[in-house]
PDB file of N, CA and C in Angstrom:
ATOM      1  N   MET A   1      26.212  41.434 -13.386  1.00  0.00           N
ATOM      2  CA  MET A   1      26.753  40.149 -13.105  1.00  0.00           C
ATOM      3  C   MET A   1      25.827  39.072 -13.623  1.00  0.00           C
ATOM      4  N   ASN A   2      26.502  37.973 -13.760  1.00  0.00           N
ATOM      5  CA  ASN A   2      25.784  36.803 -14.370  1.00  0.00           C
ATOM      6  C   ASN A   2      24.732  36.394 -13.289  1.00  0.00           C
ATOM      7  N   LYS A   3      23.555  36.102 -13.760  1.00  0.00           N
ATOM      8  CA  LYS A   3      22.424  35.791 -12.886  1.00  0.00           C
ATOM      9  C   LYS A   3      22.698  34.444 -12.269  1.00  0.00           C
ATOM     10  N   GLU A   4      23.215  33.548 -13.014  1.00  0.00           N
ATOM     11  CA  GLU A   4      23.498  32.060 -12.438  1.00  0.00           C
ATOM     12  C   GLU A   4      24.586  32.193 -11.406  1.00  0.00           C
ATOM     13  N   PHE A   5      25.569  33.043 -11.565  1.00  0.00           N
ATOM     14  CA  PHE A   5      26.645  33.249 -10.607  1.00  0.00           C
ATOM     15  C   PHE A   5      26.122  33.699  -9.305  1.00  0.00           C
ATOM     16  N   VAL A   6      25.287  34.728  -9.377  1.00  0.00           N
ATOM     17  CA  VAL A   6      24.648  35.290  -8.168  1.00  0.00           C
ATOM     18  C   VAL A   6      23.782  34.241  -7.401  1.00  0.00           C
ATOM     19  N   LYS A   7      23.068  33.428  -8.119  1.00  0.00           N
ATOM     20  CA  LYS A   7      22.223  32.379  -7.526  1.00  0.00           C
ATOM     21  C   LYS A   7      23.068  31.414  -6.854  1.00  0.00           C
ATOM     22  N   LYS A   8      24.179  30.947  -7.496  1.00  0.00           N
ATOM     23  CA  LYS A   8      25.070  29.928  -6.862  1.00  0.00           C
ATOM     24  C   LYS A   8      25.811  30.517  -5.691  1.00  0.00           C
ATOM     25  N   MET A   9      26.237  31.722  -5.729  1.00  0.00           N
ATOM     26  CA  MET A   9      26.931  32.341  -4.567  1.00  0.00           C
ATOM     27  C   MET A   9      25.955  32.471  -3.433  1.00  0.00           C
ATOM     28  N   LEU A  10      24.743  32.911  -3.649  1.00  0.00           N
ATOM     29  CA  LEU A  10      23.707  32.853  -2.525  1.00  0.00           C
ATOM     30  C   LEU A  10      23.433  31.483  -1.973  1.00  0.00           C
ATOM     31  N   GLN A  11      23.347  30.517  -2.820  1.00  0.00           N
ATOM     32  CA  GLN A  11      23.190  29.150  -2.415  1.00  0.00           C
ATOM     33  C   GLN A  11      24.338  28.623  -1.556  1.00  0.00           C
ATOM     34  N   ALA A  12      25.629  29.031  -1.958  1.00  0.00           N
ATOM     35  CA  ALA A  12      26.717  28.603  -1.258  1.00  0.00           C
ATOM     36  C   ALA A  12      26.759  29.246   0.139  1.00  0.00           C
ATOM     37  N   LYS A  13      26.476  30.522   0.207  1.00  0.00           N
ATOM     38  CA  LYS A  13      26.430  31.187   1.543  1.00  0.00           C
ATOM     39  C   LYS A  13      25.333  30.555   2.408  1.00  0.00           C
ATOM     40  N   LYS A  14      24.222  30.251   1.892  1.00  0.00           N
ATOM     41  CA  LYS A  14      23.185  29.542   2.598  1.00  0.00           C
ATOM     42  C   LYS A  14      23.658  28.225   3.202  1.00  0.00           C
ATOM     43  N   LEU A  15      24.317  27.382   2.374  1.00  0.00           N
ATOM     44  CA  LEU A  15      24.819  26.091   2.801  1.00  0.00           C
ATOM     45  C   LEU A  15      25.984  26.322   3.921  1.00  0.00           C
ATOM     46  N   GLU A  16      26.760  27.301   3.748  1.00  0.00           N
ATOM     47  CA  GLU A  16      27.749  27.572   4.718  1.00  0.00           C
ATOM     48  C   GLU A  16      27.126  27.939   6.073  1.00  0.00           C
ATOM     49  N   TYR A  17      26.103  28.788   6.000  1.00  0.00           N
ATOM     50  CA  TYR A  17      25.389  29.191   7.259  1.00  0.00           C
ATOM     51  C   TYR A  17      24.787  27.907   7.900  1.00  0.00           C
ATOM     52  N   GLU A  18      24.189  27.060   7.050  1.00  0.00           N
ATOM     53  CA  GLU A  18      23.579  25.844   7.650  1.00  0.00           C
ATOM     54  C   GLU A  18      24.665  24.944   8.272  1.00  0.00           C
ATOM     55  N   ALA A  19      25.793  24.811   7.658  1.00  0.00           N
ATOM     56  CA  ALA A  19      26.896  23.965   8.106  1.00  0.00           C
ATOM     57  C   ALA A  19      27.395  24.523   9.442  1.00  0.00           C
ATOM     58  N   LEU A  20      27.558  25.800   9.569  1.00  0.00           N
ATOM     59  CA  LEU A  20      27.986  26.412  10.848  1.00  0.00           C
ATOM     60  C   LEU A  20      26.972  26.188  11.918  1.00  0.00           C
ATOM     61  N   GLU A  21      25.763  26.256  11.614  1.00  0.00           N
ATOM     62  CA  GLU A  21      24.648  26.140  12.443  1.00  0.00           C
ATOM     63  C   GLU A  21      24.639  24.711  13.061  1.00  0.00           C
ATOM     64  N   GLU A  22      25.093  23.691  12.263  1.00  0.00           N
ATOM     65  CA  GLU A  22      25.074  22.325  12.770  1.00  0.00           C
ATOM     66  C   GLU A  22      26.023  22.038  13.817  1.00  0.00           C
ATOM     67  N   ILE A  23      27.162  22.809  13.845  1.00  0.00           N
ATOM     68  CA  ILE A  23      28.166  22.475  14.836  1.00  0.00           C
ATOM     69  C   ILE A  23      28.068  23.317  16.101  1.00  0.00           C
ATOM     70  N   LEU A  24      27.093  24.312  16.143  1.00  0.00           N
ATOM     71  CA  LEU A  24      26.972  25.060  17.317  1.00  0.00           C
ATOM     72  C   LEU A  24      26.294  24.349  18.403  1.00  0.00           C
ATOM     73  N   PRO A  25      26.641  24.648  19.694  1.00  0.00           N
ATOM     74  CA  PRO A  25      25.912  23.986  20.761  1.00  0.00           C
ATOM     75  C   PRO A  25      24.458  24.473  20.874  1.00  0.00           C
ATOM     76  N   ASP A  26      23.623  23.686  21.510  1.00  0.00           N
ATOM     77  CA  ASP A  26      22.184  24.016  21.546  1.00  0.00           C
ATOM     78  C   ASP A  26      21.899  25.306  22.204  1.00  0.00           C
ATOM     79  N   CYS A  27      22.572  25.679  23.260  1.00  0.00           N
ATOM     80  CA  CYS A  27      22.320  26.941  23.919  1.00  0.00           C
ATOM     81  C   CYS A  27      22.598  28.135  23.056  1.00  0.00           C
ATOM     82  N   ILE A  28      23.587  27.974  22.280  1.00  0.00           N
ATOM     83  CA  ILE A  28      23.953  29.147  21.272  1.00  0.00           C
ATOM     84  C   ILE A  28      22.921  29.129  20.134  1.00  0.00           C
ATOM     85  N   LYS A  29      22.552  27.948  19.719  1.00  0.00           N
ATOM     86  CA  LYS A  29      21.520  27.930  18.647  1.00  0.00           C
ATOM     87  C   LYS A  29      20.234  28.661  19.018  1.00  0.00           C
ATOM     88  N   GLU A  30      19.795  28.453  20.340  1.00  0.00           N
ATOM     89  CA  GLU A  30      18.575  29.158  20.734  1.00  0.00           C
ATOM     90  C   GLU A  30      18.832  30.635  20.772  1.00  0.00           C
ATOM     91  N   LYS A  31      19.866  31.091  21.313  1.00  0.00           N
ATOM     92  CA  LYS A  31      20.143  32.535  21.297  1.00  0.00           C
ATOM     93  C   LYS A  31      20.235  33.102  19.960  1.00  0.00           C
ATOM     94  N   ARG A  32      20.939  32.399  19.011  1.00  0.00           N
ATOM     95  CA  ARG A  32      20.966  32.842  17.649  1.00  0.00           C
ATOM     96  C   ARG A  32      19.656  32.948  16.970  1.00  0.00           C
ATOM     97  N   SER A  33      18.761  31.956  17.235  1.00  0.00           N
ATOM     98  CA  SER A  33      17.437  32.102  16.601  1.00  0.00           C
ATOM     99  C   SER A  33      16.669  33.218  17.153  1.00  0.00           C
ATOM    100  N   ARG A  34      16.770  33.507  18.458  1.00  0.00           N
ATOM    101  CA  ARG A  34      16.092  34.712  18.942  1.00  0.00           C
ATOM    102  C   ARG A  34      16.623  35.960  18.398  1.00  0.00           C
ATOM    103  N   VAL A  35      17.944  36.029  18.307  1.00  0.00           N
ATOM    104  CA  VAL A  35      18.559  37.293  17.704  1.00  0.00           C
ATOM    105  C   VAL A  35      18.110  37.469  16.254  1.00  0.00           C
ATOM    106  N   VAL A  36      18.114  36.380  15.446  1.00  0.00           N
ATOM    107  CA  VAL A  36      17.749  36.428  14.035  1.00  0.00           C
ATOM    108  C   VAL A  36      16.318  36.848  13.941  1.00  0.00           C
ATOM    109  N   SER A  37      15.437  36.306  14.820  1.00  0.00           N
ATOM    110  CA  SER A  37      13.981  36.689  14.839  1.00  0.00           C
ATOM    111  C   SER A  37      13.824  38.143  15.169  1.00  0.00           C
ATOM    112  N   ASP A  38      14.549  38.695  16.146  1.00  0.00           N
ATOM    113  CA  ASP A  38      14.494  40.066  16.478  1.00  0.00           C
ATOM    114  C   ASP A  38      14.938  40.946  15.299  1.00  0.00           C
ATOM    115  N   ILE A  39      16.098  40.576  14.708  1.00  0.00           N
ATOM    116  CA  ILE A  39      16.527  41.277  13.515  1.00  0.00           C
ATOM    117  C   ILE A  39      15.544  41.442  12.371  1.00  0.00           C
ATOM    118  N   LYS A  40      14.860  40.271  12.115  1.00  0.00           N
ATOM    119  CA  LYS A  40      13.854  40.227  11.067  1.00  0.00           C
ATOM    120  C   LYS A  40      12.725  41.209  11.428  1.00  0.00           C
ATOM    121  N   ASP A  41      12.291  41.136  12.711  1.00  0.00           N
ATOM    122  CA  ASP A  41      11.239  42.058  13.095  1.00  0.00           C
ATOM    123  C   ASP A  41      11.590  43.535  12.893  1.00  0.00           C
ATOM    124  N   ILE A  42      12.859  43.866  13.388  1.00  0.00           N
ATOM    125  CA  ILE A  42      13.346  45.273  13.207  1.00  0.00           C
ATOM    126  C   ILE A  42      13.418  45.678  11.815  1.00  0.00           C
ATOM    127  N   ILE A  43      13.892  44.734  10.830  1.00  0.00           N
ATOM    128  CA  ILE A  43      14.018  45.127   9.468  1.00  0.00           C
ATOM    129  C   ILE A  43      12.635  45.332   8.885  1.00  0.00           C
ATOM    130  N   ARG A  44      11.769  44.462   9.243  1.00  0.00           N
ATOM    131  CA  ARG A  44      10.286  44.582   8.760  1.00  0.00           C
ATOM    132  C   ARG A  44       9.735  45.901   9.197  1.00  0.00           C
ATOM    133  N   ASP A  45       9.918  46.307  10.423  1.00  0.00           N
ATOM    134  CA  ASP A  45       9.396  47.501  10.945  1.00  0.00           C
ATOM    135  C   ASP A  45      10.010  48.755  10.184  1.00  0.00           C
ATOM    136  N   VAL A  46      11.332  48.637   9.951  1.00  0.00           N
ATOM    137  CA  VAL A  46      11.977  49.816   9.253  1.00  0.00           C
ATOM    138  C   VAL A  46      11.506  49.899   7.879  1.00  0.00           C
ATOM    139  N   ILE A  47      11.293  48.845   7.160  1.00  0.00           N
ATOM    140  CA  ILE A  47      10.764  48.798   5.717  1.00  0.00           C
ATOM    141  C   ILE A  47       9.403  49.422   5.673  1.00  0.00           C
ATOM    142  N   ILE A  48       8.476  48.906   6.628  1.00  0.00           N
ATOM    143  CA  ILE A  48       7.155  49.416   6.665  1.00  0.00           C
ATOM    144  C   ILE A  48       7.051  50.935   6.933  1.00  0.00           C
ATOM    145  N   GLU A  49       7.899  51.324   7.984  1.00  0.00           N
ATOM    146  CA  GLU A  49       7.996  52.738   8.271  1.00  0.00           C
ATOM    147  C   GLU A  49       8.450  53.622   7.097  1.00  0.00           C
ATOM    148  N   ASP A  50       9.411  53.112   6.363  1.00  0.00           N
ATOM    149  CA  ASP A  50      10.030  53.811   5.229  1.00  0.00           C
ATOM    150  C   ASP A  50       8.924  53.936   4.137  1.00  0.00           C
ATOM    151  N   ILE A  51       8.255  52.900   3.863  1.00  0.00           N
ATOM    152  CA  ILE A  51       7.182  52.877   2.861  1.00  0.00           C
ATOM    153  C   ILE A  51       6.077  53.928   3.183  1.00  0.00           C
ATOM    154  N   THR A  52       5.663  53.908   4.471  1.00  0.00           N
ATOM    155  CA  THR A  52       4.650  54.843   4.798  1.00  0.00           C
ATOM    156  C   THR A  52       5.122  56.231   4.797  1.00  0.00           C
ATOM    157  N   GLU A  53       6.386  56.487   5.140  1.00  0.00           N
ATOM    158  CA  GLU A  53       6.946  57.854   5.132  1.00  0.00           C
ATOM    159  C   GLU A  53       6.981  58.327   3.720  1.00  0.00           C
ATOM    160  N   ASP A  54       7.423  57.437   2.666  1.00  0.00           N
ATOM    161  CA  ASP A  54       7.409  57.836   1.289  1.00  0.00           C
ATOM    162  C   ASP A  54       6.107  58.294   0.860  1.00  0.00           C
ATOM    163  N   LYS A  55       5.052  57.637   1.279  1.00  0.00           N
ATOM    164  CA  LYS A  55       3.652  58.036   0.803  1.00  0.00           C
ATOM    165  C   LYS A  55       3.295  59.388   1.404  1.00  0.00           C
ATOM    166  N   SER A  56       3.715  59.692   2.645  1.00  0.00           N
ATOM    167  CA  SER A  56       3.283  60.882   3.259  1.00  0.00           C
ATOM    168  C   SER A  56       4.133  62.090   2.852  1.00  0.00           C
ATOM    169  N   THR A  57       5.310  61.849   2.374  1.00  0.00           N
ATOM    170  CA  THR A  57       6.194  62.972   1.959  1.00  0.00           C
ATOM    171  C   THR A  57       6.207  63.401   0.588  1.00  0.00           C
ATOM    172  N   LYS A  58       5.313  62.738  -0.238  1.00  0.00           N
ATOM    173  CA  LYS A  58       5.268  63.037  -1.586  1.00  0.00           C
ATOM    174  C   LYS A  58       4.840  64.455  -1.868  1.00  0.00           C
ATOM    175  N   ASN A  59       4.002  64.992  -1.020  1.00  0.00           N
ATOM    176  CA  ASN A  59       3.409  66.347  -1.202  1.00  0.00           C
ATOM    177  C   ASN A  59       4.247  67.483  -0.555  1.00  0.00           C
ATOM    178  N   ARG A  60       5.354  67.037   0.032  1.00  0.00           N
ATOM    179  CA  ARG A  60       6.131  68.101   0.688  1.00  0.00           C
ATOM    180  C   ARG A  60       6.946  69.000  -0.287  1.00  0.00           C
ATOM    181  N   GLU A  61       7.164  70.245   0.147  1.00  0.00           N
ATOM    182  CA  GLU A  61       7.751  71.145  -0.717  1.00  0.00           C
ATOM    183  C   GLU A  61       9.248  71.331  -0.356  1.00  0.00           C
ATOM    184  N   VAL A  62      10.188  71.401  -1.296  1.00  0.00           N
ATOM    185  CA  VAL A  62      11.620  71.616  -0.990  1.00  0.00           C
ATOM    186  C   VAL A  62      11.942  72.965  -1.351  1.00  0.00           C
ATOM    187  N   LYS A  63      12.625  73.683  -0.401  1.00  0.00           N
ATOM    188  CA  LYS A  63      13.008  75.062  -0.660  1.00  0.00           C
ATOM    189  C   LYS A  63      14.524  75.072  -0.685  1.00  0.00           C
ATOM    190  N   LYS A  64      15.008  75.955  -1.602  1.00  0.00           N
ATOM    191  CA  LYS A  64      16.512  76.162  -1.685  1.00  0.00           C
ATOM    192  C   LYS A  64      16.977  77.081  -0.659  1.00  0.00           C
ATOM    193  N   VAL A  65      18.042  76.799   0.013  1.00  0.00           N
ATOM    194  CA  VAL A  65      18.597  77.554   1.034  1.00  0.00           C
ATOM    195  C   VAL A  65      20.043  78.056   0.684  1.00  0.00           C
ATOM    196  N   ASN A  66      20.286  79.313   0.719  1.00  0.00           N
ATOM    197  CA  ASN A  66      21.607  79.825   0.424  1.00  0.00           C
ATOM    198  C   ASN A  66      22.352  79.988   1.778  1.00  0.00           C
ATOM    199  N   ILE A  67      23.529  79.514   1.903  1.00  0.00           N
ATOM    200  CA  ILE A  67      24.335  79.694   3.091  1.00  0.00           C
ATOM    201  C   ILE A  67      25.634  80.461   2.698  1.00  0.00           C
ATOM    202  N   ASP A  68      25.913  81.507   3.431  1.00  0.00           N
ATOM    203  CA  ASP A  68      27.082  82.248   3.250  1.00  0.00           C
ATOM    204  C   ASP A  68      28.143  81.907   4.241  1.00  0.00           C
ATOM    205  N   PHE A  69      29.263  81.293   3.883  1.00  0.00           N
ATOM    206  CA  PHE A  69      30.293  80.836   4.752  1.00  0.00           C
ATOM    207  C   PHE A  69      31.384  81.884   5.070  1.00  0.00           C
ATOM    208  N   ASN A  70      31.185  83.128   4.600  1.00  0.00           N
ATOM    209  CA  ASN A  70      32.207  84.141   4.845  1.00  0.00           C
ATOM    210  C   ASN A  70      32.122  84.738   6.097  1.00  0.00           C
TER     211      ASN A  70
END
């Protein structure tokens, strides 16, 4: 894909998100910000866990398994 196209599409989505945020009531904005914060924390934890797993599983051995379905 064209790099400029992707940049502009991401910018458009960001502006759309900000516009929707402006019309939300304050109580919903607070809940949304807490949910977004929780999601960011979860994603960060998953990424860190995945990175550390990759480092520890490099030395693992893979064995071929034959399964007879007859």
